Amino acid sequence: MSALRQTQEGRGFLPDRRSLILLGVAALAGSGAQAGKARPVNTLGSSDGVAIRGYDPVAYFRDGGPRLGKPEFSVRHGGALWRFASAEHKALFEADPERYLPAYGGFCAYGTSRGYLVKIEPEAWSIVEGRLYLNYDLDVRKTWLGATPKYIARADRNWPGLNAAPIR
């Protein structure tokens, strides 16, 4: 497990099981997508197409954990609206979105390894070799951390075929 570089222990709350199901479509470079092939982005629970429940993807890298983004610091990218906690984070994302975009469109990385798309809990996360991975909840995250390289390899194989998969 030496390839795993955990930056902070995730803490959080239980997922809201009443989330609305909405699917944004994106072409995400650097997320395992094939060139020109539309990829889904996790906008579950958002009637406005906000990605990853409104959390700032840059904050995981710069602040060491999840932070809610603010509507005034928003960017539309890849068919979804991304929110940021600060103007600085927004500028960093705009300069290099592929560096900050979560793997697998922000869907649960473990679920992707199992061949399906499922929502995430922003508090259940890890950064592995400079890439952000989100998980369904803290229990799934524990499973994910038990064999991360194996799950990443499986998810990388599954991701190209999940653009039309139903969301669980």
C-alpha atoms as a PDB file:
ATOM      1  CA  MET A   1       0.000   0.000   0.000  1.00  0.00           C
ATOM      2  CA  SER A   2       2.949   2.317  -0.434  1.00  0.00           C
ATOM      3  CA  ALA A   3       1.224   3.941  -3.434  1.00  0.00           C
ATOM      4  CA  LEU A   4      -1.465   5.256  -1.093  1.00  0.00           C
ATOM      5  CA  ARG A   5      -0.838   8.741   0.227  1.00  0.00           C
ATOM      6  CA  GLN A   6      -3.560   9.729   2.626  1.00  0.00           C
ATOM      7  CA  THR A   7      -3.545  13.427   3.431  1.00  0.00           C
ATOM      8  CA  GLN A   8      -6.152  13.508   6.182  1.00  0.00           C
ATOM      9  CA  GLU A   9      -8.601  11.237   7.917  1.00  0.00           C
ATOM     10  CA  GLY A  10     -12.120  11.975   6.632  1.00  0.00           C
ATOM     11  CA  ARG A  11     -14.732  12.807   9.200  1.00  0.00           C
ATOM     12  CA  GLY A  12     -18.343  13.508   8.627  1.00  0.00           C
ATOM     13  CA  PHE A  13     -21.959  12.722   8.647  1.00  0.00           C
ATOM     14  CA  LEU A  14     -24.237  10.057   7.238  1.00  0.00           C
ATOM     15  CA  PRO A  15     -25.429  10.472   3.653  1.00  0.00           C
ATOM     16  CA  ASP A  16     -28.783  12.028   2.865  1.00  0.00           C
ATOM     17  CA  ARG A  17     -30.631   9.068   1.369  1.00  0.00           C
ATOM     18  CA  ARG A  18     -33.385  11.264  -0.111  1.00  0.00           C
ATOM     19  CA  SER A  19     -31.181  12.898  -2.708  1.00  0.00           C
ATOM     20  CA  LEU A  20     -32.717  13.807  -6.027  1.00  0.00           C
ATOM     21  CA  ILE A  21     -31.165  11.996  -8.956  1.00  0.00           C
ATOM     22  CA  LEU A  22     -29.841  14.258 -11.659  1.00  0.00           C
ATOM     23  CA  LEU A  23     -27.126  13.478 -14.131  1.00  0.00           C
ATOM     24  CA  GLY A  24     -24.840  16.104 -15.660  1.00  0.00           C
ATOM     25  CA  VAL A  25     -22.832  15.088 -18.680  1.00  0.00           C
ATOM     26  CA  ALA A  26     -19.238  16.142 -19.134  1.00  0.00           C
ATOM     27  CA  ALA A  27     -16.145  15.506 -21.154  1.00  0.00           C
ATOM     28  CA  LEU A  28     -13.558  15.314 -18.401  1.00  0.00           C
ATOM     29  CA  ALA A  29      -9.964  15.152 -19.468  1.00  0.00           C
ATOM     30  CA  GLY A  30      -7.730  13.343 -17.022  1.00  0.00           C
ATOM     31  CA  SER A  31     -10.546  11.298 -15.527  1.00  0.00           C
ATOM     32  CA  GLY A  32     -10.102   8.163 -17.552  1.00  0.00           C
ATOM     33  CA  ALA A  33     -12.423   9.388 -20.301  1.00  0.00           C
ATOM     34  CA  GLN A  34     -11.743   8.498 -23.887  1.00  0.00           C
ATOM     35  CA  ALA A  35     -11.246  11.504 -26.157  1.00  0.00           C
ATOM     36  CA  GLY A  36     -14.550  12.949 -27.352  1.00  0.00           C
ATOM     37  CA  LYS A  37     -16.659  10.599 -25.239  1.00  0.00           C
ATOM     38  CA  ALA A  38     -19.170  12.215 -22.876  1.00  0.00           C
ATOM     39  CA  ARG A  39     -18.585  11.413 -19.209  1.00  0.00           C
ATOM     40  CA  PRO A  40     -21.041  11.829 -16.342  1.00  0.00           C
ATOM     41  CA  VAL A  41     -20.398  14.281 -13.516  1.00  0.00           C
ATOM     42  CA  ASN A  42     -21.841  13.715 -10.057  1.00  0.00           C
ATOM     43  CA  THR A  43     -24.541  16.346  -9.565  1.00  0.00           C
ATOM     44  CA  LEU A  44     -26.769  14.086  -7.466  1.00  0.00           C
ATOM     45  CA  GLY A  45     -29.025  15.997  -5.125  1.00  0.00           C
ATOM     46  CA  SER A  46     -28.668  19.269  -7.042  1.00  0.00           C
ATOM     47  CA  SER A  47     -31.451  20.819  -9.072  1.00  0.00           C
ATOM     48  CA  ASP A  48     -28.918  23.384 -10.376  1.00  0.00           C
ATOM     49  CA  GLY A  49     -26.314  20.911 -11.691  1.00  0.00           C
ATOM     50  CA  VAL A  50     -23.827  21.650  -8.904  1.00  0.00           C
ATOM     51  CA  ALA A  51     -20.994  19.114  -8.809  1.00  0.00           C
ATOM     52  CA  ILE A  52     -19.984  17.097  -5.730  1.00  0.00           C
ATOM     53  CA  ARG A  53     -22.716  18.532  -3.512  1.00  0.00           C
ATOM     54  CA  GLY A  54     -21.279  22.042  -3.746  1.00  0.00           C
ATOM     55  CA  TYR A  55     -17.922  21.212  -2.203  1.00  0.00           C
ATOM     56  CA  ASP A  56     -14.730  22.871  -3.384  1.00  0.00           C
ATOM     57  CA  PRO A  57     -12.487  20.300  -5.128  1.00  0.00           C
ATOM     58  CA  VAL A  58      -9.423  22.529  -4.658  1.00  0.00           C
ATOM     59  CA  ALA A  59      -9.903  22.625  -0.872  1.00  0.00           C
ATOM     60  CA  TYR A  60      -9.077  18.922  -0.540  1.00  0.00           C
ATOM     61  CA  PHE A  61      -5.595  19.693  -1.885  1.00  0.00           C
ATOM     62  CA  ARG A  62      -4.969  23.188  -0.513  1.00  0.00           C
ATOM     63  CA  ASP A  63      -6.816  23.071   2.832  1.00  0.00           C
ATOM     64  CA  GLY A  64      -6.413  19.378   3.649  1.00  0.00           C
ATOM     65  CA  GLY A  65     -10.114  18.562   3.600  1.00  0.00           C
ATOM     66  CA  PRO A  66     -13.585  19.365   2.333  1.00  0.00           C
ATOM     67  CA  ARG A  67     -15.005  22.887   2.373  1.00  0.00           C
ATOM     68  CA  LEU A  68     -18.307  24.025   0.973  1.00  0.00           C
ATOM     69  CA  GLY A  69     -18.001  26.295  -1.992  1.00  0.00           C
ATOM     70  CA  LYS A  70     -19.809  29.614  -2.309  1.00  0.00           C
ATOM     71  CA  PRO A  71     -22.147  30.556  -5.168  1.00  0.00           C
ATOM     72  CA  GLU A  72     -20.163  33.739  -5.834  1.00  0.00           C
ATOM     73  CA  PHE A  73     -17.088  31.605  -6.643  1.00  0.00           C
ATOM     74  CA  SER A  74     -18.587  29.296  -9.269  1.00  0.00           C
ATOM     75  CA  VAL A  75     -17.346  27.998 -12.611  1.00  0.00           C
ATOM     76  CA  ARG A  76     -19.201  25.979 -15.214  1.00  0.00           C
ATOM     77  CA  HIS A  77     -16.930  23.185 -16.435  1.00  0.00           C
ATOM     78  CA  GLY A  78     -17.707  19.901 -18.149  1.00  0.00           C
ATOM     79  CA  GLY A  79     -21.468  20.302 -17.940  1.00  0.00           C
ATOM     80  CA  ALA A  80     -21.570  20.977 -14.195  1.00  0.00           C
ATOM     81  CA  LEU A  81     -21.315  23.966 -11.893  1.00  0.00           C
ATOM     82  CA  TRP A  82     -18.282  23.782  -9.593  1.00  0.00           C
ATOM     83  CA  ARG A  83     -18.183  25.901  -6.442  1.00  0.00           C
ATOM     84  CA  PHE A  84     -15.133  27.148  -4.566  1.00  0.00           C
ATOM     85  CA  ALA A  85     -14.521  28.470  -1.074  1.00  0.00           C
ATOM     86  CA  SER A  86     -12.475  31.434  -2.322  1.00  0.00           C
ATOM     87  CA  ALA A  87     -11.531  33.444  -5.391  1.00  0.00           C
ATOM     88  CA  GLU A  88      -8.035  31.955  -5.118  1.00  0.00           C
ATOM     89  CA  HIS A  89      -9.382  28.391  -5.329  1.00  0.00           C
ATOM     90  CA  LYS A  90     -11.568  29.339  -8.283  1.00  0.00           C
ATOM     91  CA  ALA A  91      -8.543  30.800 -10.095  1.00  0.00           C
ATOM     92  CA  LEU A  92      -6.445  27.693  -9.388  1.00  0.00           C
ATOM     93  CA  PHE A  93      -9.171  25.468 -10.818  1.00  0.00           C
ATOM     94  CA  GLU A  94      -9.629  27.631 -13.905  1.00  0.00           C
ATOM     95  CA  ALA A  95      -5.881  27.534 -14.559  1.00  0.00           C
ATOM     96  CA  ASP A  96      -5.641  23.717 -14.306  1.00  0.00           C
ATOM     97  CA  PRO A  97      -8.994  21.941 -13.838  1.00  0.00           C
ATOM     98  CA  GLU A  98      -7.593  18.455 -14.503  1.00  0.00           C
ATOM     99  CA  ARG A  99      -5.361  18.778 -11.456  1.00  0.00           C
ATOM    100  CA  TYR A 100      -8.350  19.285  -9.149  1.00  0.00           C
ATOM    101  CA  LEU A 101     -11.209  17.345 -10.728  1.00  0.00           C
ATOM    102  CA  PRO A 102     -12.135  14.304  -8.663  1.00  0.00           C
ATOM    103  CA  ALA A 103     -11.648  10.893 -10.236  1.00  0.00           C
ATOM    104  CA  TYR A 104     -14.586   9.260 -11.992  1.00  0.00           C
ATOM    105  CA  GLY A 105     -16.582  12.468 -12.339  1.00  0.00           C
ATOM    106  CA  GLY A 106     -16.881  12.772  -8.566  1.00  0.00           C
ATOM    107  CA  PHE A 107     -18.862   9.547  -8.203  1.00  0.00           C
ATOM    108  CA  CYS A 108     -17.909   7.035  -5.526  1.00  0.00           C
ATOM    109  CA  ALA A 109     -14.566   5.530  -6.519  1.00  0.00           C
ATOM    110  CA  TYR A 110     -15.374   2.215  -4.828  1.00  0.00           C
ATOM    111  CA  GLY A 111     -18.736   2.035  -6.613  1.00  0.00           C
ATOM    112  CA  THR A 112     -16.972   2.700  -9.909  1.00  0.00           C
ATOM    113  CA  SER A 113     -14.607  -0.176  -9.128  1.00  0.00           C
ATOM    114  CA  ARG A 114     -17.687  -2.376  -8.712  1.00  0.00           C
ATOM    115  CA  GLY A 115     -19.173  -1.213 -12.033  1.00  0.00           C
ATOM    116  CA  TYR A 116     -21.818   1.293 -10.992  1.00  0.00           C
ATOM    117  CA  LEU A 117     -22.273   5.002 -10.354  1.00  0.00           C
ATOM    118  CA  VAL A 118     -23.296   6.116  -6.889  1.00  0.00           C
ATOM    119  CA  LYS A 119     -23.351   9.371  -4.942  1.00  0.00           C
ATOM    120  CA  ILE A 120     -20.674  10.445  -2.499  1.00  0.00           C
ATOM    121  CA  GLU A 121     -20.323  11.952   0.917  1.00  0.00           C
ATOM    122  CA  PRO A 122     -17.820  14.835   0.705  1.00  0.00           C
ATOM    123  CA  GLU A 123     -16.322  13.878   4.084  1.00  0.00           C
ATOM    124  CA  ALA A 124     -15.329  10.428   2.740  1.00  0.00           C
ATOM    125  CA  TRP A 125     -12.273  11.117   0.609  1.00  0.00           C
ATOM    126  CA  SER A 126      -8.632  10.386  -0.041  1.00  0.00           C
ATOM    127  CA  ILE A 127      -5.876  11.719  -2.249  1.00  0.00           C
ATOM    128  CA  VAL A 128      -3.752   9.053  -3.902  1.00  0.00           C
ATOM    129  CA  GLU A 129      -0.760  10.029  -6.046  1.00  0.00           C
ATOM    130  CA  GLY A 130      -2.133  13.539  -6.490  1.00  0.00           C
ATOM    131  CA  ARG A 131      -5.665  12.515  -7.460  1.00  0.00           C
ATOM    132  CA  LEU A 132      -8.840  13.111  -5.435  1.00  0.00           C
ATOM    133  CA  TYR A 133     -11.077  10.077  -4.818  1.00  0.00           C
ATOM    134  CA  LEU A 134     -14.498  10.393  -3.182  1.00  0.00           C
ATOM    135  CA  ASN A 135     -16.523   7.615  -1.556  1.00  0.00           C
ATOM    136  CA  TYR A 136     -20.152   6.869  -0.745  1.00  0.00           C
ATOM    137  CA  ASP A 137     -19.695   7.175   3.013  1.00  0.00           C
ATOM    138  CA  LEU A 138     -17.110   6.644   5.740  1.00  0.00           C
ATOM    139  CA  ASP A 139     -17.732   2.881   5.955  1.00  0.00           C
ATOM    140  CA  VAL A 140     -17.162   2.459   2.212  1.00  0.00           C
ATOM    141  CA  ARG A 141     -14.087   4.637   2.560  1.00  0.00           C
ATOM    142  CA  LYS A 142     -12.642   2.166   5.080  1.00  0.00           C
ATOM    143  CA  THR A 143     -13.129  -0.633   2.547  1.00  0.00           C
ATOM    144  CA  TRP A 144     -11.578   1.539  -0.187  1.00  0.00           C
ATOM    145  CA  LEU A 145      -8.521   2.257   1.950  1.00  0.00           C
ATOM    146  CA  GLY A 146      -8.017  -1.460   2.593  1.00  0.00           C
ATOM    147  CA  ALA A 147      -7.005  -2.168  -1.020  1.00  0.00           C
ATOM    148  CA  THR A 148      -6.869   1.177  -2.798  1.00  0.00           C
ATOM    149  CA  PRO A 149      -4.475   0.221  -5.650  1.00  0.00           C
ATOM    150  CA  LYS A 150      -6.656  -2.780  -6.545  1.00  0.00           C
ATOM    151  CA  TYR A 151      -9.835  -0.676  -6.510  1.00  0.00           C
ATOM    152  CA  ILE A 152      -8.244   2.090  -8.582  1.00  0.00           C
ATOM    153  CA  ALA A 153      -7.192  -0.434 -11.232  1.00  0.00           C
ATOM    154  CA  ARG A 154     -10.725  -1.862 -11.376  1.00  0.00           C
ATOM    155  CA  ALA A 155     -12.351   1.576 -11.433  1.00  0.00           C
ATOM    156  CA  ASP A 156     -10.018   2.735 -14.217  1.00  0.00           C
ATOM    157  CA  ARG A 157     -11.110  -0.289 -16.292  1.00  0.00           C
ATOM    158  CA  ASN A 158     -14.828   0.241 -15.548  1.00  0.00           C
ATOM    159  CA  TRP A 159     -15.035   4.033 -15.924  1.00  0.00           C
ATOM    160  CA  PRO A 160     -14.987   4.230 -19.754  1.00  0.00           C
ATOM    161  CA  GLY A 161     -18.102   2.030 -19.961  1.00  0.00           C
ATOM    162  CA  LEU A 162     -20.141   3.801 -17.282  1.00  0.00           C
ATOM    163  CA  ASN A 163     -21.233   6.881 -19.253  1.00  0.00           C
ATOM    164  CA  ALA A 164     -24.717   5.392 -19.749  1.00  0.00           C
ATOM    165  CA  ALA A 165     -24.903   3.341 -16.540  1.00  0.00           C
ATOM    166  CA  PRO A 166     -27.860   3.807 -14.196  1.00  0.00           C
ATOM    167  CA  ILE A 167     -27.154   5.654 -10.997  1.00  0.00           C
ATOM    168  CA  ARG A 168     -27.819   3.834  -7.749  1.00  0.00           C
END
